Protein backbone atom coordinates (compact mmCIF):
# COMPACT_ATOMS: atom_id res chain seq x y z
CA MET A 1 74.19 -19.19 196.69
CA VAL A 2 72.75 -21.61 199.24
CA THR A 3 72.52 -24.31 196.58
CA GLN A 4 76.17 -23.80 195.66
CA CYS A 5 77.19 -24.06 199.31
CA ARG A 6 75.24 -27.26 199.68
CA LYS A 7 76.89 -28.68 196.57
CA ALA A 8 80.30 -27.71 197.89
CA LEU A 9 79.53 -29.31 201.25
CA LEU A 10 78.36 -32.53 199.64
CA LEU A 11 81.49 -32.59 197.50
CA CYS A 12 83.67 -32.24 200.59
CA VAL A 13 81.80 -35.03 202.37
CA GLY A 14 82.19 -37.25 199.33
CA LEU A 15 85.91 -36.58 199.18
CA VAL A 16 86.26 -37.45 202.86
CA TRP A 17 84.40 -40.75 202.39
CA CYS A 18 86.49 -41.60 199.34
CA THR A 19 89.64 -40.90 201.32
CA LEU A 20 88.45 -43.13 204.18
CA ILE A 21 87.48 -45.95 201.84
CA ALA A 22 90.79 -45.69 200.05
CA ALA A 23 92.63 -45.72 203.35
CA GLN A 24 90.76 -48.83 204.49
CA GLY A 25 91.44 -50.51 201.19
CA ALA A 26 95.17 -49.90 201.60
CA TYR A 27 95.25 -51.18 205.19
CA PRO A 28 97.70 -51.69 206.69
CA THR A 29 100.08 -48.89 205.75
CA ARG A 30 102.16 -48.97 208.95
CA PRO A 31 103.11 -51.46 211.68
CA ILE A 32 100.38 -52.95 213.88
CA ARG A 33 100.79 -53.04 217.65
CA LEU A 34 99.67 -56.29 219.30
CA VAL A 35 99.31 -55.74 223.04
CA VAL A 36 99.99 -58.69 225.33
CA PRO A 37 98.69 -57.86 228.83
CA PHE A 38 101.13 -60.25 230.49
CA PRO A 39 104.93 -60.37 230.92
CA ALA A 40 107.32 -61.37 228.15
CA GLY A 41 108.24 -65.04 228.10
CA GLY A 42 104.89 -66.32 229.38
CA ALA A 43 102.49 -68.55 227.47
CA THR A 44 100.39 -65.66 226.11
CA ASP A 45 103.48 -63.77 224.96
CA LEU A 46 105.03 -66.77 223.21
CA LEU A 47 101.75 -67.61 221.52
CA ALA A 48 101.31 -64.00 220.34
CA ARG A 49 104.78 -63.93 218.82
CA ALA A 50 104.25 -67.21 216.98
CA ILE A 51 100.99 -66.04 215.43
CA SER A 52 102.01 -62.44 214.71
CA GLN A 53 105.12 -63.46 212.83
CA ARG A 54 103.03 -65.43 210.32
CA ALA A 55 100.20 -62.87 210.09
CA SER A 56 102.65 -60.02 209.42
CA GLN A 57 103.91 -61.83 206.33
CA THR A 58 100.48 -61.97 204.70
CA LEU A 59 99.42 -58.51 205.89
CA GLY A 60 102.56 -56.97 204.44
CA GLN A 61 103.34 -55.02 207.61
CA SER A 62 105.18 -55.89 210.79
CA ILE A 63 103.17 -56.73 213.91
CA VAL A 64 104.98 -55.46 216.99
CA VAL A 65 104.25 -57.37 220.21
CA ASP A 66 103.97 -54.89 223.08
CA ASN A 67 103.94 -56.34 226.61
CA ARG A 68 101.80 -54.21 228.94
CA ALA A 69 101.65 -56.39 232.02
CA GLY A 70 100.01 -55.68 235.34
CA ALA A 71 96.87 -56.18 237.42
CA SER A 72 96.19 -59.64 235.96
CA GLY A 73 95.90 -58.30 232.42
CA VAL A 74 93.81 -55.22 233.26
CA ILE A 75 96.46 -52.62 232.40
CA GLY A 76 97.10 -53.81 228.86
CA SER A 77 93.43 -54.52 228.18
CA ALA A 78 92.44 -51.03 229.34
CA GLU A 79 95.01 -49.45 227.05
CA VAL A 80 93.58 -51.21 224.02
CA ALA A 81 90.00 -50.39 225.01
CA LYS A 82 90.90 -46.68 224.93
CA SER A 83 92.81 -46.83 221.63
CA PRO A 84 91.46 -45.59 218.26
CA PRO A 85 89.51 -48.26 216.34
CA ASP A 86 91.75 -48.04 213.28
CA GLY A 87 93.17 -51.57 213.19
CA TYR A 88 96.62 -50.55 214.38
CA THR A 89 96.17 -51.55 218.03
CA LEU A 90 95.04 -55.08 218.88
CA LEU A 91 94.89 -57.18 222.05
CA VAL A 92 95.67 -60.81 222.82
CA ALA A 93 93.00 -61.67 225.39
CA THR A 94 92.57 -64.83 227.41
CA SER A 95 89.91 -66.60 229.42
CA SER A 96 91.44 -64.91 232.49
CA THR A 97 91.00 -61.38 231.11
CA HIS A 98 87.64 -61.67 229.36
CA SER A 99 85.78 -64.59 230.99
CA ILE A 100 86.92 -64.84 234.59
CA GLY A 101 88.22 -61.33 235.33
CA PRO A 102 84.90 -59.52 234.80
CA GLU A 103 83.13 -61.95 237.15
CA LEU A 104 85.68 -61.42 239.93
CA ASN A 105 86.18 -57.67 239.54
CA ALA A 106 83.13 -55.47 239.16
CA SER A 107 85.22 -52.28 238.94
CA LEU A 108 87.19 -52.94 235.77
CA PRO A 109 87.98 -49.75 233.80
CA TYR A 110 86.22 -51.20 230.74
CA HIS A 111 83.34 -53.50 229.81
CA VAL A 112 84.55 -56.63 228.04
CA GLU A 113 81.45 -56.98 225.84
CA THR A 114 81.01 -53.35 224.75
CA ASP A 115 84.49 -51.81 224.77
CA PHE A 116 86.14 -54.35 222.45
CA THR A 117 85.57 -55.73 218.96
CA PRO A 118 86.06 -59.52 218.78
CA ILE A 119 88.32 -60.56 215.92
CA ALA A 120 89.22 -64.26 216.19
CA HIS A 121 89.59 -67.19 218.56
CA VAL A 122 93.13 -68.44 217.93
CA ALA A 123 94.00 -71.21 220.41
CA ASP A 124 93.05 -73.28 223.45
CA ALA A 125 95.23 -74.73 226.19
CA PRO A 126 93.91 -77.83 227.98
CA SER A 127 95.27 -78.85 231.37
CA LEU A 128 96.45 -82.12 232.88
CA VAL A 129 95.13 -83.64 236.09
CA LEU A 130 98.38 -84.28 237.96
CA VAL A 131 99.03 -86.25 241.17
CA PRO A 132 102.21 -87.37 242.99
CA ASN A 133 103.70 -90.75 242.17
CA THR A 134 103.25 -91.70 245.82
CA LEU A 135 99.47 -91.22 245.73
CA PRO A 136 97.95 -94.72 245.38
CA VAL A 137 95.62 -93.85 242.49
CA ASN A 138 95.99 -94.42 238.76
CA SER A 139 92.72 -93.03 237.41
CA VAL A 140 90.28 -90.23 238.09
CA LYS A 141 87.76 -92.74 239.42
CA GLU A 142 90.31 -93.97 241.94
CA LEU A 143 91.24 -90.38 242.86
CA ILE A 144 87.61 -89.53 243.58
CA GLU A 145 87.12 -92.67 245.69
CA TYR A 146 90.35 -91.95 247.57
CA ALA A 147 89.33 -88.33 248.26
CA LYS A 148 85.80 -89.26 249.37
CA ALA A 149 87.28 -91.66 251.90
CA ARG A 150 89.47 -88.84 253.28
CA PRO A 151 87.42 -85.64 253.27
CA GLY A 152 89.56 -82.56 253.99
CA ARG A 153 92.78 -84.56 254.27
CA LEU A 154 93.99 -83.95 250.69
CA ASN A 155 95.28 -80.62 249.35
CA TYR A 156 95.21 -79.22 245.85
CA ALA A 157 97.51 -76.53 244.50
CA SER A 158 96.59 -73.64 242.22
CA SER A 159 98.28 -70.65 240.62
CA GLY A 160 96.39 -68.32 242.96
CA ASN A 161 92.91 -67.33 244.12
CA GLY A 162 90.54 -66.63 241.25
CA THR A 163 92.84 -68.03 238.55
CA VAL A 164 91.64 -70.43 235.90
CA VAL A 165 93.49 -73.28 237.68
CA HIS A 166 91.58 -72.49 240.89
CA LEU A 167 88.24 -72.45 239.07
CA MET A 168 88.98 -75.61 237.07
CA THR A 169 89.67 -77.56 240.25
CA GLU A 170 86.66 -76.18 242.09
CA ALA A 171 84.45 -77.22 239.16
CA PHE A 172 86.01 -80.69 239.40
CA LYS A 173 85.37 -80.87 243.17
CA GLU A 174 81.75 -79.81 242.70
CA GLN A 175 81.00 -82.42 240.06
CA ALA A 176 82.97 -85.18 241.78
CA GLY A 177 81.46 -84.42 245.18
CA VAL A 178 84.79 -84.33 247.03
CA TYR A 179 86.27 -82.02 249.67
CA ILE A 180 89.93 -81.19 248.92
CA VAL A 181 91.62 -78.19 250.59
CA HIS A 182 92.85 -75.32 248.39
CA VAL A 183 96.50 -74.22 248.68
CA PRO A 184 97.16 -71.19 246.42
CA TYR A 185 100.64 -70.49 244.99
CA ARG A 186 101.99 -67.64 242.90
CA GLY A 187 102.04 -69.73 239.76
CA THR A 188 101.94 -73.45 239.09
CA ALA A 189 105.72 -73.60 238.59
CA LEU A 190 106.11 -72.85 242.29
CA ALA A 191 103.57 -75.56 243.16
CA ILE A 192 105.26 -78.42 241.27
CA PRO A 193 107.98 -79.17 243.88
CA ASP A 194 105.37 -79.55 246.64
CA LEU A 195 103.29 -81.80 244.40
CA VAL A 196 106.30 -83.99 243.61
CA SER A 197 107.09 -84.29 247.33
CA ASP A 198 103.42 -85.10 248.17
CA LYS A 199 102.88 -81.94 250.26
CA THR A 200 99.93 -81.34 247.94
CA GLN A 201 98.10 -84.13 246.14
CA LEU A 202 96.47 -82.57 243.09
CA LEU A 203 97.22 -79.92 240.47
CA PHE A 204 95.52 -78.94 237.22
CA ASP A 205 98.44 -77.71 235.11
CA SER A 206 98.99 -76.89 231.45
CA VAL A 207 100.26 -79.59 229.15
CA VAL A 208 103.41 -77.65 228.28
CA SER A 209 104.58 -77.21 231.88
CA GLY A 210 103.16 -80.41 233.36
CA MET A 211 104.00 -83.04 230.75
CA PRO A 212 107.82 -82.85 231.15
CA HIS A 213 107.41 -83.92 234.79
CA VAL A 214 105.18 -86.81 233.71
CA LYS A 215 107.64 -87.97 231.06
CA ALA A 216 110.48 -87.71 233.58
CA GLY A 217 108.56 -89.97 235.97
CA ARG A 218 108.15 -87.36 238.70
CA LEU A 219 104.33 -87.07 238.47
CA LYS A 220 101.33 -89.03 237.20
CA ALA A 221 98.82 -87.58 234.72
CA LEU A 222 95.32 -89.02 235.09
CA ALA A 223 93.30 -87.07 232.51
CA VAL A 224 92.95 -83.90 230.44
CA THR A 225 90.40 -81.15 231.04
CA SER A 226 89.29 -80.60 227.43
CA ALA A 227 86.02 -81.96 226.03
CA LYS A 228 87.91 -84.16 223.57
CA ARG A 229 91.22 -85.92 223.84
CA THR A 230 94.07 -83.65 222.91
CA SER A 231 96.70 -84.37 220.28
CA LEU A 232 99.19 -83.04 222.82
CA ALA A 233 98.56 -86.11 225.03
CA PRO A 234 96.44 -88.51 222.95
CA ASP A 235 96.69 -91.46 225.34
CA LEU A 236 95.11 -89.59 228.26
CA PRO A 237 91.32 -89.81 228.71
CA THR A 238 89.22 -86.71 229.27
CA LEU A 239 87.54 -86.05 232.60
CA GLY A 240 84.28 -86.67 230.77
CA GLU A 241 85.48 -90.15 229.82
CA SER A 242 86.65 -90.66 233.41
CA GLY A 243 83.28 -90.45 235.09
CA LEU A 244 82.50 -86.71 234.97
CA PRO A 245 80.29 -86.34 231.88
CA GLY A 246 80.17 -82.84 230.44
CA TYR A 247 83.22 -81.58 232.26
CA GLU A 248 85.19 -79.18 230.06
CA ALA A 249 87.69 -76.51 231.05
CA THR A 250 90.36 -74.99 228.86
CA ALA A 251 92.15 -71.66 228.73
CA TRP A 252 91.43 -69.85 225.47
CA PHE A 253 93.32 -67.13 223.58
CA GLY A 254 91.83 -64.63 221.14
CA ILE A 255 92.37 -61.36 219.31
CA TYR A 256 90.37 -58.21 220.04
CA ALA A 257 90.36 -54.65 218.70
CA PRO A 258 88.91 -51.53 220.31
CA ARG A 259 85.17 -50.90 220.03
CA GLY A 260 84.00 -49.50 216.71
CA LEU A 261 86.45 -51.14 214.31
CA PRO A 262 84.94 -51.00 210.78
CA THR A 263 83.45 -54.27 209.56
CA GLU A 264 85.82 -54.40 206.59
CA LEU A 265 88.83 -54.40 208.89
CA VAL A 266 87.23 -56.89 211.29
CA ASN A 267 86.73 -59.36 208.46
CA ARG A 268 90.22 -58.75 207.05
CA LEU A 269 91.93 -59.32 210.40
CA ASN A 270 89.80 -62.37 211.17
CA ALA A 271 90.82 -63.96 207.88
CA GLU A 272 94.50 -63.18 208.47
CA PHE A 273 94.69 -64.50 212.04
CA VAL A 274 92.61 -67.62 211.31
CA ALA A 275 94.87 -68.39 208.34
CA ALA A 276 97.95 -67.83 210.48
CA VAL A 277 96.96 -70.36 213.16
CA GLN A 278 95.98 -72.89 210.50
CA SER A 279 99.39 -72.72 208.79
CA PRO A 280 101.57 -75.81 209.42
CA GLU A 281 104.48 -73.88 210.94
CA VAL A 282 102.29 -72.00 213.45
CA ARG A 283 100.31 -75.12 214.35
CA ASP A 284 103.59 -76.86 215.11
CA ARG A 285 104.85 -73.96 217.26
CA LEU A 286 101.58 -73.72 219.18
CA GLU A 287 101.52 -77.44 219.90
CA ARG A 288 105.07 -77.24 221.23
CA LEU A 289 103.81 -74.48 223.54
CA GLY A 290 101.04 -76.77 224.79
CA ALA A 291 98.24 -75.01 222.90
CA GLU A 292 95.84 -76.33 220.27
CA PRO A 293 95.10 -74.04 217.28
CA ALA A 294 91.45 -73.04 217.11
CA SER A 295 89.42 -74.12 214.10
CA ALA A 296 88.24 -71.53 211.59
CA ASN A 297 85.77 -69.16 213.24
CA THR A 298 83.99 -65.86 212.64
CA PRO A 299 84.04 -62.86 215.00
CA ALA A 300 80.43 -63.67 215.96
CA GLN A 301 81.31 -67.28 216.77
CA PHE A 302 84.25 -66.10 218.87
CA ALA A 303 82.02 -63.67 220.80
CA ALA A 304 79.43 -66.40 221.43
CA MET A 305 82.12 -68.78 222.72
CA VAL A 306 83.39 -66.16 225.16
CA GLN A 307 79.89 -65.41 226.45
CA LEU A 308 79.29 -69.12 227.07
CA ASP A 309 82.64 -69.46 228.81
CA ARG A 310 81.95 -66.42 230.97
CA ARG A 311 78.57 -67.79 232.08
CA ARG A 312 80.20 -71.11 232.97
CA TRP A 313 82.81 -69.49 235.22
CA ALA A 314 80.30 -67.05 236.70
CA ARG A 315 78.29 -70.03 237.96
CA VAL A 316 81.38 -71.67 239.47
CA ILE A 317 82.47 -68.41 241.13
CA LYS A 318 79.04 -67.87 242.66
CA GLU A 319 78.37 -71.42 243.77
CA ARG A 320 81.88 -72.00 245.17
CA HIS A 321 82.09 -68.52 246.77
CA ILE A 322 85.35 -67.68 245.03
CA SER A 323 87.04 -64.30 245.45
CA PRO A 324 90.35 -62.93 244.17
CA GLU A 325 91.67 -62.72 247.76
């Protein structure tokens, strides 16, 4: 009797495993929700929609972009962290949510390294070093010399305390050895008019929002913040080429799932999202948004990149005494 019960139990377990394997093999069988932890219409939202449209075609199911904005990306990220690891809820994370945020906020309702499953690095967004036309400098070297001769008399704008723009500029100040006063704004769009009118003298802004002002002759771009020259502005030197060797600062975008997603689904989603960003139509859309598609990468490579980026910003935050307020 006991033997028969054991056989029956083993049969049931086997049926359950077969059902699970079959279900995974058929994935996806319903729409996938892609959570964007920022408002609709922003850079992260537009990027998510460009990528998801292509990935949904090859997955055979629609990918629904769901904006869950609030608390600098914490609300949407927390929702995904608490979701079932079944492949039907994913997150578009950024350097702000998973590199900088954890170093500025020790009381997040999740742990970025243990409560999420990394899927794929999808894009990077370099920034421009912008100055007013009236500032008598035409290179980063000249900017540094000008600032050193006027310590504390120049101002730089940012999109707010603790933002990636704030940290990028503080890293620049540290390496250049200059003292420029921080003036935080609620977004770089609000800072542009004061930069044009020379009320502030420096802004690190994204290519997509900053370049139109350069092309219109309202501002000067001196360099880009990426390690290599960007195809989005190929004539501009990098900060590394401009006398600050090793300087690199870009905003990254990537896809995460909740903790515990099966390896088979991790690999499937990685392949789909990497293929999507490498497709010509998505590459073109991302470049028009001011973002560069990431090269092919594995989940492990993505996780390692984020850890390196987090350590870089943790050092800047500590050494420059940066707080979110």
